[in-house]
Amino acid sequence: MDAIEVDGKTIETTEDGFLKNQNLWDEKIMEALIKRHEADGNPPVGDVGRRLIRIVRQYYENEKVHLSMNRLLRMWEDLDEKRLEDTDAVRDALYQIFPHGPIPALSKLAGLARPAVAEGFDAG
């Protein structure tokens, strides 16, 4: 069985690390997922990554759909309250944090199911 341990409880995950029960997600589970993500050789998530994870989770809870990369870039612009001059630079920065694909990795760390766009991608 694939799982993570949080506060002495076993939380089941899919073979590729997505939570089987999205409703169990909380900050402690997020930290356990991040720890596993980093232990798998991915770059440290850091504060920016954690902020993005929360944004992805909130967006899904509000809209009932996964966030797209384009929408994430627009939200980033709104958060920084300035126009993005170079979305490619931001996209590159996201791929530095989440090299196997920002949307699949952020969805996994936000406790969401694998997004359809991620079929065939390794979410790290």
PDB file of N, CA and C in Angstrom:
ATOM      1  N   MET A   1       0.846  -1.181   0.000  1.00  0.00           N
ATOM      2  CA  MET A   1       0.000   0.000   0.000  1.00  0.00           C
ATOM      3  C   MET A   1       0.891   1.244   0.000  1.00  0.00           C
ATOM      4  N   ASP A   2       0.593   2.182  -0.857  1.00  0.00           N
ATOM      5  CA  ASP A   2       1.304   3.450  -0.888  1.00  0.00           C
ATOM      6  C   ASP A   2       0.617   4.398   0.086  1.00  0.00           C
ATOM      7  N   ALA A   3       1.429   5.055   0.924  1.00  0.00           N
ATOM      8  CA  ALA A   3       0.850   5.923   1.948  1.00  0.00           C
ATOM      9  C   ALA A   3       1.914   6.856   2.508  1.00  0.00           C
ATOM     10  N   ILE A   4       1.434   7.870   3.220  1.00  0.00           N
ATOM     11  CA  ILE A   4       2.298   8.735   4.013  1.00  0.00           C
ATOM     12  C   ILE A   4       1.811   8.655   5.453  1.00  0.00           C
ATOM     13  N   GLU A   5       2.710   8.930   6.375  1.00  0.00           N
ATOM     14  CA  GLU A   5       2.358   8.943   7.792  1.00  0.00           C
ATOM     15  C   GLU A   5       2.278  10.387   8.264  1.00  0.00           C
ATOM     16  N   VAL A   6       1.160  10.739   8.899  1.00  0.00           N
ATOM     17  CA  VAL A   6       0.971  12.086   9.432  1.00  0.00           C
ATOM     18  C   VAL A   6       0.331  11.959  10.805  1.00  0.00           C
ATOM     19  N   ASP A   7       1.015  12.456  11.815  1.00  0.00           N
ATOM     20  CA  ASP A   7       0.515  12.397  13.195  1.00  0.00           C
ATOM     21  C   ASP A   7       0.086  10.987  13.593  1.00  0.00           C
ATOM     22  N   GLY A   8       0.874  10.002  13.207  1.00  0.00           N
ATOM     23  CA  GLY A   8       0.587   8.624  13.565  1.00  0.00           C
ATOM     24  C   GLY A   8      -0.518   7.973  12.756  1.00  0.00           C
ATOM     25  N   LYS A   9      -1.047   8.681  11.775  1.00  0.00           N
ATOM     26  CA  LYS A   9      -2.108   8.130  10.930  1.00  0.00           C
ATOM     27  C   LYS A   9      -1.543   7.816   9.551  1.00  0.00           C
ATOM     28  N   THR A  10      -2.033   6.745   8.972  1.00  0.00           N
ATOM     29  CA  THR A  10      -1.638   6.355   7.631  1.00  0.00           C
ATOM     30  C   THR A  10      -2.620   6.965   6.639  1.00  0.00           C
ATOM     31  N   ILE A  11      -2.093   7.758   5.721  1.00  0.00           N
ATOM     32  CA  ILE A  11      -2.900   8.415   4.696  1.00  0.00           C
ATOM     33  C   ILE A  11      -2.569   7.750   3.363  1.00  0.00           C
ATOM     34  N   GLU A  12      -3.556   7.108   2.763  1.00  0.00           N
ATOM     35  CA  GLU A  12      -3.324   6.375   1.518  1.00  0.00           C
ATOM     36  C   GLU A  12      -3.114   7.314   0.334  1.00  0.00           C
ATOM     37  N   THR A  13      -2.164   6.913  -0.507  1.00  0.00           N
ATOM     38  CA  THR A  13      -1.901   7.630  -1.754  1.00  0.00           C
ATOM     39  C   THR A  13      -1.940   6.631  -2.907  1.00  0.00           C
ATOM     40  N   THR A  14      -2.053   7.174  -4.094  1.00  0.00           N
ATOM     41  CA  THR A  14      -1.960   6.325  -5.276  1.00  0.00           C
ATOM     42  C   THR A  14      -0.500   5.908  -5.450  1.00  0.00           C
ATOM     43  N   GLU A  15      -0.262   5.028  -6.374  1.00  0.00           N
ATOM     44  CA  GLU A  15       1.099   4.567  -6.641  1.00  0.00           C
ATOM     45  C   GLU A  15       2.038   5.723  -6.982  1.00  0.00           C
ATOM     46  N   ASP A  16       1.494   6.760  -7.632  1.00  0.00           N
ATOM     47  CA  ASP A  16       2.333   7.900  -8.002  1.00  0.00           C
ATOM     48  C   ASP A  16       2.218   9.074  -7.031  1.00  0.00           C
ATOM     49  N   GLY A  17       1.657   8.835  -5.835  1.00  0.00           N
ATOM     50  CA  GLY A  17       1.737   9.813  -4.756  1.00  0.00           C
ATOM     51  C   GLY A  17       0.588  10.779  -4.582  1.00  0.00           C
ATOM     52  N   PHE A  18      -0.469  10.664  -5.373  1.00  0.00           N
ATOM     53  CA  PHE A  18      -1.638  11.528  -5.198  1.00  0.00           C
ATOM     54  C   PHE A  18      -2.505  10.975  -4.070  1.00  0.00           C
ATOM     55  N   LEU A  19      -3.105  11.859  -3.270  1.00  0.00           N
ATOM     56  CA  LEU A  19      -3.984  11.404  -2.199  1.00  0.00           C
ATOM     57  C   LEU A  19      -5.171  10.646  -2.776  1.00  0.00           C
ATOM     58  N   LYS A  20      -5.536   9.549  -2.120  1.00  0.00           N
ATOM     59  CA  LYS A  20      -6.734   8.826  -2.547  1.00  0.00           C
ATOM     60  C   LYS A  20      -7.990   9.544  -2.068  1.00  0.00           C
ATOM     61  N   ASN A  21      -7.907  10.214  -0.926  1.00  0.00           N
ATOM     62  CA  ASN A  21      -9.045  10.961  -0.387  1.00  0.00           C
ATOM     63  C   ASN A  21      -8.649  12.428  -0.273  1.00  0.00           C
ATOM     64  N   GLN A  22      -9.098  13.239  -1.223  1.00  0.00           N
ATOM     65  CA  GLN A  22      -8.748  14.661  -1.258  1.00  0.00           C
ATOM     66  C   GLN A  22      -9.222  15.412  -0.024  1.00  0.00           C
ATOM     67  N   ASN A  23     -10.286  14.916   0.600  1.00  0.00           N
ATOM     68  CA  ASN A  23     -10.871  15.613   1.749  1.00  0.00           C
ATOM     69  C   ASN A  23      -9.994  15.560   2.993  1.00  0.00           C
ATOM     70  N   LEU A  24      -9.002  14.705   3.004  1.00  0.00           N
ATOM     71  CA  LEU A  24      -8.108  14.598   4.161  1.00  0.00           C
ATOM     72  C   LEU A  24      -7.029  15.673   4.174  1.00  0.00           C
ATOM     73  N   TRP A  25      -6.834  16.350   3.057  1.00  0.00           N
ATOM     74  CA  TRP A  25      -5.732  17.302   2.914  1.00  0.00           C
ATOM     75  C   TRP A  25      -5.822  18.427   3.936  1.00  0.00           C
ATOM     76  N   ASP A  26      -4.678  18.723   4.542  1.00  0.00           N
ATOM     77  CA  ASP A  26      -4.517  19.896   5.397  1.00  0.00           C
ATOM     78  C   ASP A  26      -3.044  20.288   5.350  1.00  0.00           C
ATOM     79  N   GLU A  27      -2.675  21.294   6.128  1.00  0.00           N
ATOM     80  CA  GLU A  27      -1.287  21.786   6.094  1.00  0.00           C
ATOM     81  C   GLU A  27      -0.280  20.702   6.486  1.00  0.00           C
ATOM     82  N   LYS A  28      -0.616  19.871   7.458  1.00  0.00           N
ATOM     83  CA  LYS A  28       0.309  18.812   7.874  1.00  0.00           C
ATOM     84  C   LYS A  28       0.501  17.783   6.761  1.00  0.00           C
ATOM     85  N   ILE A  29      -0.579  17.447   6.103  1.00  0.00           N
ATOM     86  CA  ILE A  29      -0.475  16.507   4.987  1.00  0.00           C
ATOM     87  C   ILE A  29       0.301  17.145   3.849  1.00  0.00           C
ATOM     88  N   MET A  30       0.067  18.436   3.606  1.00  0.00           N
ATOM     89  CA  MET A  30       0.842  19.139   2.580  1.00  0.00           C
ATOM     90  C   MET A  30       2.336  19.026   2.887  1.00  0.00           C
ATOM     91  N   GLU A  31       2.717  19.248   4.134  1.00  0.00           N
ATOM     92  CA  GLU A  31       4.136  19.176   4.502  1.00  0.00           C
ATOM     93  C   GLU A  31       4.686  17.768   4.311  1.00  0.00           C
ATOM     94  N   ALA A  32       3.894  16.744   4.622  1.00  0.00           N
ATOM     95  CA  ALA A  32       4.341  15.362   4.412  1.00  0.00           C
ATOM     96  C   ALA A  32       4.508  15.066   2.921  1.00  0.00           C
ATOM     97  N   LEU A  33       3.589  15.577   2.106  1.00  0.00           N
ATOM     98  CA  LEU A  33       3.700  15.391   0.658  1.00  0.00           C
ATOM     99  C   LEU A  33       4.924  16.123   0.107  1.00  0.00           C
ATOM    100  N   ILE A  34       5.180  17.321   0.626  1.00  0.00           N
ATOM    101  CA  ILE A  34       6.368  18.080   0.205  1.00  0.00           C
ATOM    102  C   ILE A  34       7.638  17.324   0.592  1.00  0.00           C
ATOM    103  N   LYS A  35       7.655  16.788   1.802  1.00  0.00           N
ATOM    104  CA  LYS A  35       8.829  16.035   2.268  1.00  0.00           C
ATOM    105  C   LYS A  35       9.106  14.853   1.336  1.00  0.00           C
ATOM    106  N   ARG A  36       8.055  14.138   0.956  1.00  0.00           N
ATOM    107  CA  ARG A  36       8.225  13.009   0.033  1.00  0.00           C
ATOM    108  C   ARG A  36       8.686  13.509  -1.341  1.00  0.00           C
ATOM    109  N   HIS A  37       8.079  14.590  -1.806  1.00  0.00           N
ATOM    110  CA  HIS A  37       8.425  15.199  -3.097  1.00  0.00           C
ATOM    111  C   HIS A  37       9.917  15.543  -3.139  1.00  0.00           C
ATOM    112  N   GLU A  38      10.408  16.182  -2.084  1.00  0.00           N
ATOM    113  CA  GLU A  38      11.821  16.569  -2.023  1.00  0.00           C
ATOM    114  C   GLU A  38      12.723  15.351  -1.856  1.00  0.00           C
ATOM    115  N   ALA A  39      12.277  14.361  -1.085  1.00  0.00           N
ATOM    116  CA  ALA A  39      13.064  13.138  -0.895  1.00  0.00           C
ATOM    117  C   ALA A  39      13.214  12.361  -2.203  1.00  0.00           C
ATOM    118  N   ASP A  40      12.275  12.567  -3.116  1.00  0.00           N
ATOM    119  CA  ASP A  40      12.342  11.918  -4.429  1.00  0.00           C
ATOM    120  C   ASP A  40      13.319  12.615  -5.371  1.00  0.00           C
ATOM    121  N   GLY A  41      14.049  13.609  -4.855  1.00  0.00           N
ATOM    122  CA  GLY A  41      15.072  14.270  -5.653  1.00  0.00           C
ATOM    123  C   GLY A  41      14.644  15.563  -6.310  1.00  0.00           C
ATOM    124  N   ASN A  42      13.450  16.030  -6.002  1.00  0.00           N
ATOM    125  CA  ASN A  42      12.982  17.303  -6.556  1.00  0.00           C
ATOM    126  C   ASN A  42      13.576  18.467  -5.777  1.00  0.00           C
ATOM    127  N   PRO A  43      13.662  19.644  -6.399  1.00  0.00           N
ATOM    128  CA  PRO A  43      14.192  20.820  -5.700  1.00  0.00           C
ATOM    129  C   PRO A  43      13.320  21.185  -4.499  1.00  0.00           C
ATOM    130  N   PRO A  44      13.893  21.876  -3.512  1.00  0.00           N
ATOM    131  CA  PRO A  44      13.095  22.326  -2.367  1.00  0.00           C
ATOM    132  C   PRO A  44      11.928  23.197  -2.830  1.00  0.00           C
ATOM    133  N   VAL A  45      10.780  23.010  -2.201  1.00  0.00           N
ATOM    134  CA  VAL A  45       9.572  23.736  -2.592  1.00  0.00           C
ATOM    135  C   VAL A  45       9.632  25.186  -2.132  1.00  0.00           C
ATOM    136  N   GLY A  46      10.049  25.447  -0.912  1.00  0.00           N
ATOM    137  CA  GLY A  46      10.193  26.816  -0.416  1.00  0.00           C
ATOM    138  C   GLY A  46       8.864  27.519  -0.189  1.00  0.00           C
ATOM    139  N   ASP A  47       8.951  28.770   0.254  1.00  0.00           N
ATOM    140  CA  ASP A  47       7.758  29.552   0.581  1.00  0.00           C
ATOM    141  C   ASP A  47       6.908  29.857  -0.644  1.00  0.00           C
ATOM    142  N   VAL A  48       7.549  30.181  -1.760  1.00  0.00           N
ATOM    143  CA  VAL A  48       6.798  30.475  -2.987  1.00  0.00           C
ATOM    144  C   VAL A  48       6.015  29.242  -3.423  1.00  0.00           C
ATOM    145  N   GLY A  49       6.656  28.094  -3.386  1.00  0.00           N
ATOM    146  CA  GLY A  49       5.980  26.857  -3.758  1.00  0.00           C
ATOM    147  C   GLY A  49       4.798  26.557  -2.856  1.00  0.00           C
ATOM    148  N   ARG A  50       4.971  26.773  -1.556  1.00  0.00           N
ATOM    149  CA  ARG A  50       3.869  26.550  -0.617  1.00  0.00           C
ATOM    150  C   ARG A  50       2.710  27.502  -0.900  1.00  0.00           C
ATOM    151  N   ARG A  51       3.029  28.722  -1.221  1.00  0.00           N
ATOM    152  CA  ARG A  51       1.990  29.701  -1.564  1.00  0.00           C
ATOM    153  C   ARG A  51       1.231  29.238  -2.812  1.00  0.00           C
ATOM    154  N   LEU A  52       1.957  28.746  -3.794  1.00  0.00           N
ATOM    155  CA  LEU A  52       1.327  28.251  -5.016  1.00  0.00           C
ATOM    156  C   LEU A  52       0.457  27.025  -4.751  1.00  0.00           C
ATOM    157  N   ILE A  53       0.913  26.141  -3.884  1.00  0.00           N
ATOM    158  CA  ILE A  53       0.122  24.957  -3.533  1.00  0.00           C
ATOM    159  C   ILE A  53      -1.220  25.390  -2.952  1.00  0.00           C
ATOM    160  N   ARG A  54      -1.187  26.344  -2.040  1.00  0.00           N
ATOM    161  CA  ARG A  54      -2.433  26.830  -1.427  1.00  0.00           C
ATOM    162  C   ARG A  54      -3.340  27.485  -2.466  1.00  0.00           C
ATOM    163  N   ILE A  55      -2.754  28.216  -3.403  1.00  0.00           N
ATOM    164  CA  ILE A  55      -3.533  28.858  -4.468  1.00  0.00           C
ATOM    165  C   ILE A  55      -4.218  27.796  -5.329  1.00  0.00           C
ATOM    166  N   VAL A  56      -3.477  26.760  -5.703  1.00  0.00           N
ATOM    167  CA  VAL A  56      -4.031  25.689  -6.532  1.00  0.00           C
ATOM    168  C   VAL A  56      -5.172  24.994  -5.794  1.00  0.00           C
ATOM    169  N   ARG A  57      -4.966  24.729  -4.516  1.00  0.00           N
ATOM    170  CA  ARG A  57      -6.006  24.072  -3.712  1.00  0.00           C
ATOM    171  C   ARG A  57      -7.256  24.942  -3.627  1.00  0.00           C
ATOM    172  N   GLN A  58      -7.080  26.220  -3.323  1.00  0.00           N
ATOM    173  CA  GLN A  58      -8.215  27.134  -3.190  1.00  0.00           C
ATOM    174  C   GLN A  58      -8.964  27.270  -4.515  1.00  0.00           C
ATOM    175  N   TYR A  59      -8.225  27.379  -5.591  1.00  0.00           N
ATOM    176  CA  TYR A  59      -8.851  27.486  -6.912  1.00  0.00           C
ATOM    177  C   TYR A  59      -9.720  26.260  -7.184  1.00  0.00           C
ATOM    178  N   TYR A  60      -9.187  25.080  -6.894  1.00  0.00           N
ATOM    179  CA  TYR A  60      -9.949  23.854  -7.132  1.00  0.00           C
ATOM    180  C   TYR A  60     -11.201  23.811  -6.261  1.00  0.00           C
ATOM    181  N   GLU A  61     -11.076  24.193  -5.002  1.00  0.00           N
ATOM    182  CA  GLU A  61     -12.235  24.189  -4.106  1.00  0.00           C
ATOM    183  C   GLU A  61     -13.311  25.155  -4.591  1.00  0.00           C
ATOM    184  N   ASN A  62     -12.907  26.285  -5.139  1.00  0.00           N
ATOM    185  CA  ASN A  62     -13.873  27.284  -5.615  1.00  0.00           C
ATOM    186  C   ASN A  62     -14.466  26.935  -6.976  1.00  0.00           C
ATOM    187  N   GLU A  63     -13.627  26.486  -7.897  1.00  0.00           N
ATOM    188  CA  GLU A  63     -14.041  26.301  -9.295  1.00  0.00           C
ATOM    189  C   GLU A  63     -14.357  24.853  -9.671  1.00  0.00           C
ATOM    190  N   LYS A  64     -13.932  23.906  -8.862  1.00  0.00           N
ATOM    191  CA  LYS A  64     -14.145  22.470  -9.109  1.00  0.00           C
ATOM    192  C   LYS A  64     -13.448  21.968 -10.366  1.00  0.00           C
ATOM    193  N   VAL A  65     -12.407  22.667 -10.779  1.00  0.00           N
ATOM    194  CA  VAL A  65     -11.562  22.232 -11.895  1.00  0.00           C
ATOM    195  C   VAL A  65     -10.108  22.532 -11.543  1.00  0.00           C
ATOM    196  N   HIS A  66      -9.209  21.797 -12.179  1.00  0.00           N
ATOM    197  CA  HIS A  66      -7.790  22.056 -11.974  1.00  0.00           C
ATOM    198  C   HIS A  66      -7.388  23.362 -12.656  1.00  0.00           C
ATOM    199  N   LEU A  67      -6.427  23.997 -12.073  1.00  0.00           N
ATOM    200  CA  LEU A  67      -5.873  25.232 -12.610  1.00  0.00           C
ATOM    201  C   LEU A  67      -5.022  24.918 -13.843  1.00  0.00           C
ATOM    202  N   SER A  68      -5.143  25.729 -14.874  1.00  0.00           N
ATOM    203  CA  SER A  68      -4.289  25.581 -16.054  1.00  0.00           C
ATOM    204  C   SER A  68      -3.028  26.423 -15.860  1.00  0.00           C
ATOM    205  N   MET A  69      -2.022  26.143 -16.646  1.00  0.00           N
ATOM    206  CA  MET A  69      -0.787  26.925 -16.572  1.00  0.00           C
ATOM    207  C   MET A  69      -1.065  28.385 -16.918  1.00  0.00           C
ATOM    208  N   ASN A  70      -1.856  28.634 -17.948  1.00  0.00           N
ATOM    209  CA  ASN A  70      -2.158  30.020 -18.323  1.00  0.00           C
ATOM    210  C   ASN A  70      -2.872  30.758 -17.200  1.00  0.00           C
ATOM    211  N   ARG A  71      -3.823  30.097 -16.565  1.00  0.00           N
ATOM    212  CA  ARG A  71      -4.551  30.724 -15.453  1.00  0.00           C
ATOM    213  C   ARG A  71      -3.601  30.965 -14.281  1.00  0.00           C
ATOM    214  N   LEU A  72      -2.708  30.024 -14.020  1.00  0.00           N
ATOM    215  CA  LEU A  72      -1.738  30.203 -12.940  1.00  0.00           C
ATOM    216  C   LEU A  72      -0.865  31.428 -13.200  1.00  0.00           C
ATOM    217  N   LEU A  73      -0.434  31.604 -14.435  1.00  0.00           N
ATOM    218  CA  LEU A  73       0.388  32.771 -14.774  1.00  0.00           C
ATOM    219  C   LEU A  73      -0.398  34.067 -14.587  1.00  0.00           C
ATOM    220  N   ARG A  74      -1.689  34.066 -14.959  1.00  0.00           N
ATOM    221  CA  ARG A  74      -2.515  35.267 -14.755  1.00  0.00           C
ATOM    222  C   ARG A  74      -2.729  35.545 -13.274  1.00  0.00           C
ATOM    223  N   MET A  75      -2.927  34.490 -12.488  1.00  0.00           N
ATOM    224  CA  MET A  75      -3.105  34.668 -11.046  1.00  0.00           C
ATOM    225  C   MET A  75      -1.819  35.200 -10.420  1.00  0.00           C
ATOM    226  N   TRP A  76      -0.684  34.724 -10.903  1.00  0.00           N
ATOM    227  CA  TRP A  76       0.615  35.195 -10.408  1.00  0.00           C
ATOM    228  C   TRP A  76       0.727  36.699 -10.616  1.00  0.00           C
ATOM    229  N   GLU A  77       0.308  37.134 -11.796  1.00  0.00           N
ATOM    230  CA  GLU A  77       0.332  38.566 -12.114  1.00  0.00           C
ATOM    231  C   GLU A  77      -0.574  39.334 -11.155  1.00  0.00           C
ATOM    232  N   ASP A  78      -1.763  38.806 -10.891  1.00  0.00           N
ATOM    233  CA  ASP A  78      -2.699  39.460  -9.968  1.00  0.00           C
ATOM    234  C   ASP A  78      -2.124  39.528  -8.558  1.00  0.00           C
ATOM    235  N   LEU A  79      -1.463  38.469  -8.124  1.00  0.00           N
ATOM    236  CA  LEU A  79      -0.884  38.434  -6.781  1.00  0.00           C
ATOM    237  C   LEU A  79       0.226  39.460  -6.620  1.00  0.00           C
ATOM    238  N   ASP A  80       1.024  39.608  -7.650  1.00  0.00           N
ATOM    239  CA  ASP A  80       2.137  40.552  -7.580  1.00  0.00           C
ATOM    240  C   ASP A  80       1.712  41.975  -7.920  1.00  0.00           C
ATOM    241  N   GLU A  81       0.452  42.117  -8.344  1.00  0.00           N
ATOM    242  CA  GLU A  81      -0.114  43.428  -8.666  1.00  0.00           C
ATOM    243  C   GLU A  81       0.727  44.200  -9.680  1.00  0.00           C
ATOM    244  N   LYS A  82       1.308  43.477 -10.589  1.00  0.00           N
ATOM    245  CA  LYS A  82       2.053  44.123 -11.669  1.00  0.00           C
ATOM    246  C   LYS A  82       1.983  43.240 -12.905  1.00  0.00           C
ATOM    247  N   ARG A  83       2.136  43.846 -14.008  1.00  0.00           N
ATOM    248  CA  ARG A  83       2.054  43.124 -15.275  1.00  0.00           C
ATOM    249  C   ARG A  83       3.313  42.282 -15.474  1.00  0.00           C
ATOM    250  N   LEU A  84       3.093  41.054 -15.871  1.00  0.00           N
ATOM    251  CA  LEU A  84       4.229  40.194 -16.185  1.00  0.00           C
ATOM    252  C   LEU A  84       4.800  40.605 -17.532  1.00  0.00           C
ATOM    253  N   GLU A  85       6.026  41.006 -17.521  1.00  0.00           N
ATOM    254  CA  GLU A  85       6.679  41.382 -18.775  1.00  0.00           C
ATOM    255  C   GLU A  85       7.146  40.150 -19.536  1.00  0.00           C
ATOM    256  N   ASP A  86       7.468  39.119 -18.805  1.00  0.00           N
ATOM    257  CA  ASP A  86       8.033  37.935 -19.439  1.00  0.00           C
ATOM    258  C   ASP A  86       7.438  36.680 -18.810  1.00  0.00           C
ATOM    259  N   THR A  87       6.312  36.224 -19.348  1.00  0.00           N
ATOM    260  CA  THR A  87       5.684  35.026 -18.790  1.00  0.00           C
ATOM    261  C   THR A  87       6.573  33.801 -18.969  1.00  0.00           C
ATOM    262  N   ASP A  88       7.420  33.809 -19.994  1.00  0.00           N
ATOM    263  CA  ASP A  88       8.338  32.682 -20.175  1.00  0.00           C
ATOM    264  C   ASP A  88       9.301  32.569 -19.000  1.00  0.00           C
ATOM    265  N   ALA A  89       9.744  33.702 -18.460  1.00  0.00           N
ATOM    266  CA  ALA A  89      10.649  33.680 -17.310  1.00  0.00           C
ATOM    267  C   ALA A  89       9.945  33.102 -16.086  1.00  0.00           C
ATOM    268  N   VAL A  90       8.687  33.475 -15.893  1.00  0.00           N
ATOM    269  CA  VAL A  90       7.923  32.936 -14.760  1.00  0.00           C
ATOM    270  C   VAL A  90       7.687  31.445 -14.964  1.00  0.00           C
ATOM    271  N   ARG A  91       7.321  31.069 -16.178  1.00  0.00           N
ATOM    272  CA  ARG A  91       7.111  29.652 -16.493  1.00  0.00           C
ATOM    273  C   ARG A  91       8.403  28.864 -16.229  1.00  0.00           C
ATOM    274  N   ASP A  92       9.538  29.410 -16.651  1.00  0.00           N
ATOM    275  CA  ASP A  92      10.825  28.753 -16.404  1.00  0.00           C
ATOM    276  C   ASP A  92      11.097  28.619 -14.910  1.00  0.00           C
ATOM    277  N   ALA A  93      10.777  29.660 -14.150  1.00  0.00           N
ATOM    278  CA  ALA A  93      10.975  29.615 -12.696  1.00  0.00           C
ATOM    279  C   ALA A  93      10.105  28.530 -12.068  1.00  0.00           C
ATOM    280  N   LEU A  94       8.877  28.389 -12.549  1.00  0.00           N
ATOM    281  CA  LEU A  94       7.990  27.341 -12.038  1.00  0.00           C
ATOM    282  C   LEU A  94       8.552  25.957 -12.348  1.00  0.00           C
ATOM    283  N   TYR A  95       9.111  25.803 -13.537  1.00  0.00           N
ATOM    284  CA  TYR A  95       9.703  24.513 -13.899  1.00  0.00           C
ATOM    285  C   TYR A  95      10.995  24.235 -13.122  1.00  0.00           C
ATOM    286  N   GLN A  96      11.660  25.272 -12.638  1.00  0.00           N
ATOM    287  CA  GLN A  96      12.832  25.048 -11.785  1.00  0.00           C
ATOM    288  C   GLN A  96      12.404  24.471 -10.439  1.00  0.00           C
ATOM    289  N   ILE A  97      11.263  24.943  -9.924  1.00  0.00           N
ATOM    290  CA  ILE A  97      10.756  24.428  -8.648  1.00  0.00           C
ATOM    291  C   ILE A  97      10.113  23.056  -8.849  1.00  0.00           C
ATOM    292  N   PHE A  98       9.361  22.919  -9.954  1.00  0.00           N
ATOM    293  CA  PHE A  98       8.607  21.693 -10.236  1.00  0.00           C
ATOM    294  C   PHE A  98       8.988  21.168 -11.624  1.00  0.00           C
ATOM    295  N   PRO A  99      10.169  20.541 -11.739  1.00  0.00           N
ATOM    296  CA  PRO A  99      10.708  20.169 -13.050  1.00  0.00           C
ATOM    297  C   PRO A  99       9.892  19.138 -13.826  1.00  0.00           C
ATOM    298  N   HIS A 100       9.047  18.382 -13.155  1.00  0.00           N
ATOM    299  CA  HIS A 100       8.249  17.370 -13.853  1.00  0.00           C
ATOM    300  C   HIS A 100       6.899  17.923 -14.298  1.00  0.00           C
ATOM    301  N   GLY A 101       6.730  19.234 -14.190  1.00  0.00           N
ATOM    302  CA  GLY A 101       5.485  19.884 -14.593  1.00  0.00           C
ATOM    303  C   GLY A 101       4.830  20.561 -13.411  1.00  0.00           C
ATOM    304  N   PRO A 102       4.724  21.882 -13.432  1.00  0.00           N
ATOM    305  CA  PRO A 102       4.142  22.610 -12.306  1.00  0.00           C
ATOM    306  C   PRO A 102       2.714  22.199 -11.970  1.00  0.00           C
ATOM    307  N   ILE A 103       1.853  22.055 -12.955  1.00  0.00           N
ATOM    308  CA  ILE A 103       0.449  21.767 -12.661  1.00  0.00           C
ATOM    309  C   ILE A 103       0.277  20.378 -12.046  1.00  0.00           C
ATOM    310  N   PRO A 104       0.864  19.319 -12.615  1.00  0.00           N
ATOM    311  CA  PRO A 104       0.740  18.013 -11.958  1.00  0.00           C
ATOM    312  C   PRO A 104       1.347  18.001 -10.554  1.00  0.00           C
ATOM    313  N   ALA A 105       2.518  18.594 -10.388  1.00  0.00           N
ATOM    314  CA  ALA A 105       3.171  18.587  -9.074  1.00  0.00           C
ATOM    315  C   ALA A 105       2.381  19.405  -8.062  1.00  0.00           C
ATOM    316  N   LEU A 106       1.933  20.586  -8.452  1.00  0.00           N
ATOM    317  CA  LEU A 106       1.145  21.417  -7.540  1.00  0.00           C
ATOM    318  C   LEU A 106      -0.164  20.727  -7.173  1.00  0.00           C
ATOM    319  N   SER A 107      -0.784  20.063  -8.130  1.00  0.00           N
ATOM    320  CA  SER A 107      -2.026  19.337  -7.846  1.00  0.00           C
ATOM    321  C   SER A 107      -1.773  18.225  -6.837  1.00  0.00           C
ATOM    322  N   LYS A 108      -0.682  17.505  -7.026  1.00  0.00           N
ATOM    323  CA  LYS A 108      -0.345  16.423  -6.094  1.00  0.00           C
ATOM    324  C   LYS A 108      -0.121  16.978  -4.687  1.00  0.00           C
ATOM    325  N   LEU A 109       0.662  18.022  -4.579  1.00  0.00           N
ATOM    326  CA  LEU A 109       0.990  18.584  -3.271  1.00  0.00           C
ATOM    327  C   LEU A 109      -0.204  19.278  -2.625  1.00  0.00           C
ATOM    328  N   ALA A 110      -1.178  19.683  -3.437  1.00  0.00           N
ATOM    329  CA  ALA A 110      -2.408  20.293  -2.928  1.00  0.00           C
ATOM    330  C   ALA A 110      -3.451  19.235  -2.569  1.00  0.00           C
ATOM    331  N   GLY A 111      -3.077  17.974  -2.687  1.00  0.00           N
ATOM    332  CA  GLY A 111      -3.975  16.891  -2.301  1.00  0.00           C
ATOM    333  C   GLY A 111      -5.069  16.598  -3.297  1.00  0.00           C
ATOM    334  N   LEU A 112      -4.910  17.049  -4.525  1.00  0.00           N
ATOM    335  CA  LEU A 112      -5.928  16.855  -5.552  1.00  0.00           C
ATOM    336  C   LEU A 112      -5.633  15.607  -6.376  1.00  0.00           C
ATOM    337  N   ALA A 113      -6.628  15.178  -7.131  1.00  0.00           N
ATOM    338  CA  ALA A 113      -6.432  14.055  -8.047  1.00  0.00           C
ATOM    339  C   ALA A 113      -5.515  14.495  -9.183  1.00  0.00           C
ATOM    340  N   ARG A 114      -4.957  13.530  -9.861  1.00  0.00           N
ATOM    341  CA  ARG A 114      -4.099  13.830 -11.016  1.00  0.00           C
ATOM    342  C   ARG A 114      -4.934  14.561 -12.065  1.00  0.00           C
ATOM    343  N   PRO A 115      -4.474  15.736 -12.501  1.00  0.00           N
ATOM    344  CA  PRO A 115      -5.224  16.444 -13.544  1.00  0.00           C
ATOM    345  C   PRO A 115      -5.130  15.702 -14.871  1.00  0.00           C
ATOM    346  N   ALA A 116      -6.167  15.812 -15.683  1.00  0.00           N
ATOM    347  CA  ALA A 116      -6.198  15.114 -16.973  1.00  0.00           C
ATOM    348  C   ALA A 116      -5.010  15.490 -17.837  1.00  0.00           C
ATOM    349  N   VAL A 117      -4.576  16.742 -17.759  1.00  0.00           N
ATOM    350  CA  VAL A 117      -3.432  17.203 -18.549  1.00  0.00           C
ATOM    351  C   VAL A 117      -2.170  16.440 -18.165  1.00  0.00           C
ATOM    352  N   ALA A 118      -2.173  15.855 -16.976  1.00  0.00           N
ATOM    353  CA  ALA A 118      -0.975  15.198 -16.461  1.00  0.00           C
ATOM    354  C   ALA A 118      -0.887  13.727 -16.843  1.00  0.00           C
ATOM    355  N   GLU A 119      -1.877  13.199 -17.544  1.00  0.00           N
ATOM    356  CA  GLU A 119      -1.791  11.799 -17.934  1.00  0.00           C
ATOM    357  C   GLU A 119      -0.523  11.590 -18.751  1.00  0.00           C
ATOM    358  N   GLY A 120       0.271  10.645 -18.333  1.00  0.00           N
ATOM    359  CA  GLY A 120       1.513  10.364 -19.039  1.00  0.00           C
ATOM    360  C   GLY A 120       2.694  11.192 -18.568  1.00  0.00           C
ATOM    361  N   PHE A 121       2.451  12.158 -17.668  1.00  0.00           N
ATOM    362  CA  PHE A 121       3.532  12.964 -17.117  1.00  0.00           C
ATOM    363  C   PHE A 121       3.908  12.414 -15.756  1.00  0.00           C
ATOM    364  N   ASP A 122       5.154  12.524 -15.417  1.00  0.00           N
ATOM    365  CA  ASP A 122       5.632  12.152 -14.093  1.00  0.00           C
ATOM    366  C   ASP A 122       5.564  13.394 -13.227  1.00  0.00           C
ATOM    367  N   ALA A 123       4.696  13.399 -12.226  1.00  0.00           N
ATOM    368  CA  ALA A 123       4.520  14.577 -11.378  1.00  0.00           C
ATOM    369  C   ALA A 123       5.595  14.684 -10.314  1.00  0.00           C
ATOM    370  N   GLY A 124       6.612  13.876 -10.406  1.00  0.00           N
ATOM    371  CA  GLY A 124       7.744  14.004  -9.501  1.00  0.00           C
ATOM    372  C   GLY A 124       7.525  13.364  -8.212  1.00  0.00           C
TER     373      GLY A 124
END
